[in-house]
Amino acid sequence: MFAQLWARHDVRLHRTGVKKFHHPVVGDLTLAYEALDLAADAGLRLNAYVAEPGTPSAEAFSLLASWATTPTRTAEPATNPATATQD
């Protein structure tokens, strides 16, 4: 089937649209996307996804973003028992 489409040149580029995803934690996401070809490197494309404001997908994205921006505690350096001093 796909070979026939290519042979007829009946192929269209989809540079914008809506895609649905399922995230294992926040569930279903409906995201608008735009594909941007990178002029500096032929054949590469950058896809940008966005959730419409006020939608459950936007709320889910906000939750995921909050996880990414949560400050992490810096681990204490390990103490070498051979050089540690006792009080």
PDB file of N, CA and C in Angstrom:
ATOM      1  N   MET A   1       0.817  -1.195   0.000  1.00  0.00           N
ATOM      2  CA  MET A   1       0.000   0.000   0.000  1.00  0.00           C
ATOM      3  C   MET A   1       0.869   1.271   0.000  1.00  0.00           C
ATOM      4  N   PHE A   2       1.847   1.320   0.924  1.00  0.00           N
ATOM      5  CA  PHE A   2       2.694   2.516   1.005  1.00  0.00           C
ATOM      6  C   PHE A   2       3.522   2.694  -0.260  1.00  0.00           C
ATOM      7  N   ALA A   3       3.979   1.576  -0.839  1.00  0.00           N
ATOM      8  CA  ALA A   3       4.757   1.659  -2.072  1.00  0.00           C
ATOM      9  C   ALA A   3       3.928   2.273  -3.192  1.00  0.00           C
ATOM     10  N   GLN A   4       2.639   1.957  -3.217  1.00  0.00           N
ATOM     11  CA  GLN A   4       1.756   2.521  -4.237  1.00  0.00           C
ATOM     12  C   GLN A   4       1.603   4.033  -4.047  1.00  0.00           C
ATOM     13  N   LEU A   5       1.484   4.455  -2.791  1.00  0.00           N
ATOM     14  CA  LEU A   5       1.366   5.895  -2.532  1.00  0.00           C
ATOM     15  C   LEU A   5       2.624   6.627  -2.992  1.00  0.00           C
ATOM     16  N   TRP A   6       3.789   6.051  -2.663  1.00  0.00           N
ATOM     17  CA  TRP A   6       5.040   6.684  -3.076  1.00  0.00           C
ATOM     18  C   TRP A   6       5.153   6.701  -4.601  1.00  0.00           C
ATOM     19  N   ALA A   7       4.788   5.616  -5.222  1.00  0.00           N
ATOM     20  CA  ALA A   7       4.877   5.528  -6.683  1.00  0.00           C
ATOM     21  C   ALA A   7       3.996   6.575  -7.351  1.00  0.00           C
ATOM     22  N   ARG A   8       2.822   6.838  -6.769  1.00  0.00           N
ATOM     23  CA  ARG A   8       1.911   7.848  -7.321  1.00  0.00           C
ATOM     24  C   ARG A   8       2.276   9.256  -6.860  1.00  0.00           C
ATOM     25  N   HIS A   9       3.262   9.363  -5.972  1.00  0.00           N
ATOM     26  CA  HIS A   9       3.641  10.651  -5.371  1.00  0.00           C
ATOM     27  C   HIS A   9       2.457  11.267  -4.626  1.00  0.00           C
ATOM     28  N   ASP A  10       1.616  10.398  -4.065  1.00  0.00           N
ATOM     29  CA  ASP A  10       0.446  10.841  -3.314  1.00  0.00           C
ATOM     30  C   ASP A  10       0.813  10.891  -1.829  1.00  0.00           C
ATOM     31  N   VAL A  11       1.847  11.645  -1.546  1.00  0.00           N
ATOM     32  CA  VAL A  11       2.344  11.747  -0.184  1.00  0.00           C
ATOM     33  C   VAL A  11       2.334  13.215   0.210  1.00  0.00           C
ATOM     34  N   ARG A  12       1.848  13.479   1.407  1.00  0.00           N
ATOM     35  CA  ARG A  12       1.785  14.866   1.902  1.00  0.00           C
ATOM     36  C   ARG A  12       2.589  14.986   3.196  1.00  0.00           C
ATOM     37  N   LEU A  13       3.203  16.116   3.349  1.00  0.00           N
ATOM     38  CA  LEU A  13       3.931  16.375   4.593  1.00  0.00           C
ATOM     39  C   LEU A  13       2.965  16.924   5.628  1.00  0.00           C
ATOM     40  N   HIS A  14       3.085  16.424   6.824  1.00  0.00           N
ATOM     41  CA  HIS A  14       2.268  16.915   7.927  1.00  0.00           C
ATOM     42  C   HIS A  14       3.174  17.736   8.838  1.00  0.00           C
ATOM     43  N   ARG A  15       3.137  19.035   8.675  1.00  0.00           N
ATOM     44  CA  ARG A  15       4.004  19.914   9.462  1.00  0.00           C
ATOM     45  C   ARG A  15       3.315  20.430  10.717  1.00  0.00           C
ATOM     46  N   THR A  16       2.002  20.360  10.765  1.00  0.00           N
ATOM     47  CA  THR A  16       1.254  20.755  11.957  1.00  0.00           C
ATOM     48  C   THR A  16       0.116  19.760  12.148  1.00  0.00           C
ATOM     49  N   GLY A  17      -0.356  19.686  13.363  1.00  0.00           N
ATOM     50  CA  GLY A  17      -1.475  18.793  13.632  1.00  0.00           C
ATOM     51  C   GLY A  17      -1.622  18.539  15.108  1.00  0.00           C
ATOM     52  N   VAL A  18      -2.325  17.479  15.410  1.00  0.00           N
ATOM     53  CA  VAL A  18      -2.572  17.086  16.792  1.00  0.00           C
ATOM     54  C   VAL A  18      -2.222  15.610  16.918  1.00  0.00           C
ATOM     55  N   LYS A  19      -1.504  15.278  17.995  1.00  0.00           N
ATOM     56  CA  LYS A  19      -1.153  13.885  18.265  1.00  0.00           C
ATOM     57  C   LYS A  19      -1.627  13.530  19.665  1.00  0.00           C
ATOM     58  N   LYS A  20      -1.981  12.272  19.829  1.00  0.00           N
ATOM     59  CA  LYS A  20      -2.388  11.764  21.140  1.00  0.00           C
ATOM     60  C   LYS A  20      -1.323  10.808  21.644  1.00  0.00           C
ATOM     61  N   PHE A  21      -0.995  10.951  22.921  1.00  0.00           N
ATOM     62  CA  PHE A  21      -0.005  10.128  23.581  1.00  0.00           C
ATOM     63  C   PHE A  21      -0.605   9.576  24.869  1.00  0.00           C
ATOM     64  N   HIS A  22      -0.011   8.521  25.364  1.00  0.00           N
ATOM     65  CA  HIS A  22      -0.388   8.021  26.687  1.00  0.00           C
ATOM     66  C   HIS A  22       0.870   7.985  27.543  1.00  0.00           C
ATOM     67  N   HIS A  23       0.883   8.765  28.619  1.00  0.00           N
ATOM     68  CA  HIS A  23       2.004   8.794  29.553  1.00  0.00           C
ATOM     69  C   HIS A  23       1.674   7.849  30.697  1.00  0.00           C
ATOM     70  N   PRO A  24       2.633   7.042  31.168  1.00  0.00           N
ATOM     71  CA  PRO A  24       2.326   6.055  32.201  1.00  0.00           C
ATOM     72  C   PRO A  24       1.891   6.647  33.544  1.00  0.00           C
ATOM     73  N   VAL A  25       2.213   7.900  33.810  1.00  0.00           N
ATOM     74  CA  VAL A  25       1.846   8.506  35.095  1.00  0.00           C
ATOM     75  C   VAL A  25       0.656   9.454  34.965  1.00  0.00           C
ATOM     76  N   VAL A  26       0.696  10.368  34.006  1.00  0.00           N
ATOM     77  CA  VAL A  26      -0.355  11.387  33.912  1.00  0.00           C
ATOM     78  C   VAL A  26      -1.478  11.009  32.951  1.00  0.00           C
ATOM     79  N   GLY A  27      -1.342   9.895  32.242  1.00  0.00           N
ATOM     80  CA  GLY A  27      -2.426   9.426  31.384  1.00  0.00           C
ATOM     81  C   GLY A  27      -2.383   9.987  29.975  1.00  0.00           C
ATOM     82  N   ASP A  28      -3.579  10.145  29.412  1.00  0.00           N
ATOM     83  CA  ASP A  28      -3.703  10.563  28.013  1.00  0.00           C
ATOM     84  C   ASP A  28      -3.391  12.049  27.839  1.00  0.00           C
ATOM     85  N   LEU A  29      -2.649  12.358  26.776  1.00  0.00           N
ATOM     86  CA  LEU A  29      -2.286  13.734  26.430  1.00  0.00           C
ATOM     87  C   LEU A  29      -2.679  13.989  24.983  1.00  0.00           C
ATOM     88  N   THR A  30      -3.307  15.110  24.732  1.00  0.00           N
ATOM     89  CA  THR A  30      -3.604  15.555  23.371  1.00  0.00           C
ATOM     90  C   THR A  30      -2.785  16.816  23.141  1.00  0.00           C
ATOM     91  N   LEU A  31      -1.842  16.750  22.198  1.00  0.00           N
ATOM     92  CA  LEU A  31      -0.885  17.835  22.006  1.00  0.00           C
ATOM     93  C   LEU A  31      -0.885  18.307  20.562  1.00  0.00           C
ATOM     94  N   ALA A  32      -0.890  19.619  20.388  1.00  0.00           N
ATOM     95  CA  ALA A  32      -0.693  20.203  19.056  1.00  0.00           C
ATOM     96  C   ALA A  32       0.804  20.158  18.765  1.00  0.00           C
ATOM     97  N   TYR A  33       1.156  19.987  17.504  1.00  0.00           N
ATOM     98  CA  TYR A  33       2.575  19.962  17.162  1.00  0.00           C
ATOM     99  C   TYR A  33       2.838  20.779  15.905  1.00  0.00           C
ATOM    100  N   GLU A  34       4.103  21.178  15.795  1.00  0.00           N
ATOM    101  CA  GLU A  34       4.593  21.822  14.578  1.00  0.00           C
ATOM    102  C   GLU A  34       5.969  21.261  14.293  1.00  0.00           C
ATOM    103  N   ALA A  35       6.190  20.851  13.056  1.00  0.00           N
ATOM    104  CA  ALA A  35       7.470  20.302  12.640  1.00  0.00           C
ATOM    105  C   ALA A  35       8.263  21.381  11.914  1.00  0.00           C
ATOM    106  N   LEU A  36       9.511  21.545  12.309  1.00  0.00           N
ATOM    107  CA  LEU A  36      10.381  22.557  11.720  1.00  0.00           C
ATOM    108  C   LEU A  36      11.609  21.876  11.137  1.00  0.00           C
ATOM    109  N   ASP A  37      11.820  22.046   9.832  1.00  0.00           N
ATOM    110  CA  ASP A  37      13.024  21.500   9.212  1.00  0.00           C
ATOM    111  C   ASP A  37      14.224  22.347   9.617  1.00  0.00           C
ATOM    112  N   LEU A  38      15.336  21.682   9.906  1.00  0.00           N
ATOM    113  CA  LEU A  38      16.555  22.386  10.299  1.00  0.00           C
ATOM    114  C   LEU A  38      17.386  22.663   9.063  1.00  0.00           C
ATOM    115  N   ALA A  39      17.496  23.916   8.721  1.00  0.00           N
ATOM    116  CA  ALA A  39      18.204  24.316   7.500  1.00  0.00           C
ATOM    117  C   ALA A  39      19.692  23.966   7.565  1.00  0.00           C
ATOM    118  N   ALA A  40      20.257  23.959   8.757  1.00  0.00           N
ATOM    119  CA  ALA A  40      21.686  23.703   8.895  1.00  0.00           C
ATOM    120  C   ALA A  40      22.051  22.243   8.663  1.00  0.00           C
ATOM    121  N   ASP A  41      21.067  21.343   8.738  1.00  0.00           N
ATOM    122  CA  ASP A  41      21.364  19.922   8.597  1.00  0.00           C
ATOM    123  C   ASP A  41      20.214  19.243   7.862  1.00  0.00           C
ATOM    124  N   ALA A  42      20.399  19.030   6.581  1.00  0.00           N
ATOM    125  CA  ALA A  42      19.342  18.461   5.744  1.00  0.00           C
ATOM    126  C   ALA A  42      18.867  17.119   6.298  1.00  0.00           C
ATOM    127  N   GLY A  43      17.578  16.937   6.295  1.00  0.00           N
ATOM    128  CA  GLY A  43      16.996  15.684   6.751  1.00  0.00           C
ATOM    129  C   GLY A  43      16.623  15.655   8.216  1.00  0.00           C
ATOM    130  N   LEU A  44      17.051  16.646   8.980  1.00  0.00           N
ATOM    131  CA  LEU A  44      16.685  16.697  10.391  1.00  0.00           C
ATOM    132  C   LEU A  44      15.496  17.613  10.586  1.00  0.00           C
ATOM    133  N   ARG A  45      14.642  17.231  11.525  1.00  0.00           N
ATOM    134  CA  ARG A  45      13.427  18.006  11.800  1.00  0.00           C
ATOM    135  C   ARG A  45      13.243  18.088  13.308  1.00  0.00           C
ATOM    136  N   LEU A  46      12.802  19.228  13.766  1.00  0.00           N
ATOM    137  CA  LEU A  46      12.503  19.455  15.173  1.00  0.00           C
ATOM    138  C   LEU A  46      10.990  19.515  15.319  1.00  0.00           C
ATOM    139  N   ASN A  47      10.440  18.692  16.197  1.00  0.00           N
ATOM    140  CA  ASN A  47       9.007  18.717  16.468  1.00  0.00           C
ATOM    141  C   ASN A  47       8.776  19.398  17.804  1.00  0.00           C
ATOM    142  N   ALA A  48       7.910  20.401  17.810  1.00  0.00           N
ATOM    143  CA  ALA A  48       7.542  21.104  19.039  1.00  0.00           C
ATOM    144  C   ALA A  48       6.107  20.737  19.380  1.00  0.00           C
ATOM    145  N   TYR A  49       5.883  20.339  20.629  1.00  0.00           N
ATOM    146  CA  TYR A  49       4.563  19.947  21.095  1.00  0.00           C
ATOM    147  C   TYR A  49       4.090  20.913  22.160  1.00  0.00           C
ATOM    148  N   VAL A  50       2.787  21.220  22.154  1.00  0.00           N
ATOM    149  CA  VAL A  50       2.217  22.125  23.145  1.00  0.00           C
ATOM    150  C   VAL A  50       0.804  21.664  23.471  1.00  0.00           C
ATOM    151  N   ALA A  51       0.449  21.821  24.731  1.00  0.00           N
ATOM    152  CA  ALA A  51      -0.914  21.518  25.167  1.00  0.00           C
ATOM    153  C   ALA A  51      -1.713  22.820  25.173  1.00  0.00           C
ATOM    154  N   GLU A  52      -2.950  22.746  24.729  1.00  0.00           N
ATOM    155  CA  GLU A  52      -3.808  23.934  24.738  1.00  0.00           C
ATOM    156  C   GLU A  52      -4.070  24.358  26.186  1.00  0.00           C
ATOM    157  N   PRO A  53      -3.940  25.654  26.489  1.00  0.00           N
ATOM    158  CA  PRO A  53      -4.165  26.131  27.856  1.00  0.00           C
ATOM    159  C   PRO A  53      -5.554  25.752  28.373  1.00  0.00           C
ATOM    160  N   GLY A  54      -5.606  25.409  29.662  1.00  0.00           N
ATOM    161  CA  GLY A  54      -6.876  25.105  30.299  1.00  0.00           C
ATOM    162  C   GLY A  54      -7.394  23.697  30.066  1.00  0.00           C
ATOM    163  N   THR A  55      -6.629  22.863  29.372  1.00  0.00           N
ATOM    164  CA  THR A  55      -7.075  21.498  29.097  1.00  0.00           C
ATOM    165  C   THR A  55      -6.453  20.527  30.102  1.00  0.00           C
ATOM    166  N   PRO A  56      -7.021  19.338  30.227  1.00  0.00           N
ATOM    167  CA  PRO A  56      -6.389  18.332  31.083  1.00  0.00           C
ATOM    168  C   PRO A  56      -4.946  18.030  30.654  1.00  0.00           C
ATOM    169  N   SER A  57      -4.667  18.110  29.366  1.00  0.00           N
ATOM    170  CA  SER A  57      -3.295  17.882  28.892  1.00  0.00           C
ATOM    171  C   SER A  57      -2.351  18.963  29.407  1.00  0.00           C
ATOM    172  N   ALA A  58      -2.824  20.211  29.464  1.00  0.00           N
ATOM    173  CA  ALA A  58      -1.997  21.301  29.993  1.00  0.00           C
ATOM    174  C   ALA A  58      -1.721  21.087  31.480  1.00  0.00           C
ATOM    175  N   GLU A  59      -2.722  20.622  32.221  1.00  0.00           N
ATOM    176  CA  GLU A  59      -2.528  20.336  33.643  1.00  0.00           C
ATOM    177  C   GLU A  59      -1.515  19.207  33.827  1.00  0.00           C
ATOM    178  N   ALA A  60      -1.612  18.177  32.983  1.00  0.00           N
ATOM    179  CA  ALA A  60      -0.673  17.058  33.068  1.00  0.00           C
ATOM    180  C   ALA A  60       0.741  17.518  32.742  1.00  0.00           C
ATOM    181  N   PHE A  61       0.885  18.372  31.724  1.00  0.00           N
ATOM    182  CA  PHE A  61       2.201  18.916  31.374  1.00  0.00           C
ATOM    183  C   PHE A  61       2.772  19.730  32.536  1.00  0.00           C
ATOM    184  N   SER A  62       1.930  20.509  33.200  1.00  0.00           N
ATOM    185  CA  SER A  62       2.385  21.301  34.350  1.00  0.00           C
ATOM    186  C   SER A  62       2.893  20.398  35.465  1.00  0.00           C
ATOM    187  N   LEU A  63       2.183  19.299  35.689  1.00  0.00           N
ATOM    188  CA  LEU A  63       2.628  18.348  36.710  1.00  0.00           C
ATOM    189  C   LEU A  63       3.983  17.758  36.337  1.00  0.00           C
ATOM    190  N   LEU A  64       4.140  17.352  35.100  1.00  0.00           N
ATOM    191  CA  LEU A  64       5.428  16.805  34.658  1.00  0.00           C
ATOM    192  C   LEU A  64       6.542  17.847  34.747  1.00  0.00           C
ATOM    193  N   ALA A  65       6.234  19.081  34.399  1.00  0.00           N
ATOM    194  CA  ALA A  65       7.236  20.155  34.470  1.00  0.00           C
ATOM    195  C   ALA A  65       7.650  20.414  35.914  1.00  0.00           C
ATOM    196  N   SER A  66       6.713  20.295  36.844  1.00  0.00           N
ATOM    197  CA  SER A  66       7.063  20.541  38.248  1.00  0.00           C
ATOM    198  C   SER A  66       8.039  19.486  38.754  1.00  0.00           C
ATOM    199  N   TRP A  67       7.946  18.281  38.233  1.00  0.00           N
ATOM    200  CA  TRP A  67       8.903  17.257  38.622  1.00  0.00           C
ATOM    201  C   TRP A  67      10.289  17.594  38.103  1.00  0.00           C
ATOM    202  N   ALA A  68      10.370  18.158  36.921  1.00  0.00           N
ATOM    203  CA  ALA A  68      11.660  18.486  36.313  1.00  0.00           C
ATOM    204  C   ALA A  68      12.328  19.652  37.016  1.00  0.00           C
ATOM    205  N   THR A  69      11.548  20.525  37.657  1.00  0.00           N
ATOM    206  CA  THR A  69      12.129  21.709  38.278  1.00  0.00           C
ATOM    207  C   THR A  69      12.263  21.577  39.785  1.00  0.00           C
ATOM    208  N   THR A  70      11.955  20.404  40.329  1.00  0.00           N
ATOM    209  CA  THR A  70      12.101  20.197  41.764  1.00  0.00           C
ATOM    210  C   THR A  70      13.580  20.172  42.113  1.00  0.00           C
ATOM    211  N   PRO A  71      13.998  21.048  43.050  1.00  0.00           N
ATOM    212  CA  PRO A  71      15.430  21.047  43.400  1.00  0.00           C
ATOM    213  C   PRO A  71      15.815  19.717  44.039  1.00  0.00           C
ATOM    214  N   THR A  72      16.999  19.267  43.712  1.00  0.00           N
ATOM    215  CA  THR A  72      17.498  18.027  44.295  1.00  0.00           C
ATOM    216  C   THR A  72      18.556  18.351  45.334  1.00  0.00           C
ATOM    217  N   ARG A  73      18.633  17.524  46.330  1.00  0.00           N
ATOM    218  CA  ARG A  73      19.627  17.709  47.372  1.00  0.00           C
ATOM    219  C   ARG A  73      20.977  17.241  46.877  1.00  0.00           C
ATOM    220  N   THR A  74      21.988  18.006  47.131  1.00  0.00           N
ATOM    221  CA  THR A  74      23.343  17.614  46.752  1.00  0.00           C
ATOM    222  C   THR A  74      23.825  16.562  47.737  1.00  0.00           C
ATOM    223  N   ALA A  75      24.344  15.491  47.212  1.00  0.00           N
ATOM    224  CA  ALA A  75      24.846  14.420  48.067  1.00  0.00           C
ATOM    225  C   ALA A  75      26.071  14.897  48.841  1.00  0.00           C
ATOM    226  N   GLU A  76      26.156  14.454  50.071  1.00  0.00           N
ATOM    227  CA  GLU A  76      27.326  14.774  50.894  1.00  0.00           C
ATOM    228  C   GLU A  76      28.509  13.970  50.369  1.00  0.00           C
ATOM    229  N   PRO A  77      29.696  14.577  50.349  1.00  0.00           N
ATOM    230  CA  PRO A  77      30.857  13.813  49.882  1.00  0.00           C
ATOM    231  C   PRO A  77      31.109  12.628  50.812  1.00  0.00           C
ATOM    232  N   ALA A  78      31.475  11.517  50.223  1.00  0.00           N
ATOM    233  CA  ALA A  78      31.771  10.329  51.019  1.00  0.00           C
ATOM    234  C   ALA A  78      33.033  10.562  51.832  1.00  0.00           C
ATOM    235  N   THR A  79      33.039  10.041  53.044  1.00  0.00           N
ATOM    236  CA  THR A  79      34.198  10.189  53.916  1.00  0.00           C
ATOM    237  C   THR A  79      35.077   8.955  53.775  1.00  0.00           C
ATOM    238  N   ASN A  80      36.339   9.193  53.584  1.00  0.00           N
ATOM    239  CA  ASN A  80      37.300   8.096  53.510  1.00  0.00           C
ATOM    240  C   ASN A  80      37.659   7.697  54.932  1.00  0.00           C
ATOM    241  N   PRO A  81      37.330   6.466  55.366  1.00  0.00           N
ATOM    242  CA  PRO A  81      37.604   6.064  56.738  1.00  0.00           C
ATOM    243  C   PRO A  81      39.088   6.129  57.091  1.00  0.00           C
ATOM    244  N   ALA A  82      39.945   5.989  56.116  1.00  0.00           N
ATOM    245  CA  ALA A  82      41.382   5.991  56.410  1.00  0.00           C
ATOM    246  C   ALA A  82      41.870   7.394  56.766  1.00  0.00           C
ATOM    247  N   THR A  83      41.192   8.438  56.272  1.00  0.00           N
ATOM    248  CA  THR A  83      41.661   9.797  56.547  1.00  0.00           C
ATOM    249  C   THR A  83      40.731  10.540  57.508  1.00  0.00           C
ATOM    250  N   ALA A  84      39.651   9.922  57.923  1.00  0.00           N
ATOM    251  CA  ALA A  84      38.709  10.584  58.822  1.00  0.00           C
ATOM    252  C   ALA A  84      39.325  10.754  60.201  1.00  0.00           C
ATOM    253  N   THR A  85      39.073  11.898  60.798  1.00  0.00           N
ATOM    254  CA  THR A  85      39.594  12.127  62.160  1.00  0.00           C
ATOM    255  C   THR A  85      38.481  11.862  63.154  1.00  0.00           C
ATOM    256  N   GLN A  86      38.869  11.356  64.291  1.00  0.00           N
ATOM    257  CA  GLN A  86      37.892  11.107  65.342  1.00  0.00           C
ATOM    258  C   GLN A  86      37.987  12.213  66.365  1.00  0.00           C
ATOM    259  N   ASP A  87      36.819  12.595  66.886  1.00  0.00           N
ATOM    260  CA  ASP A  87      36.791  13.666  67.895  1.00  0.00           C
ATOM    261  C   ASP A  87      37.041  13.130  69.266  1.00  0.00           C
TER     262      ASP A  87
END
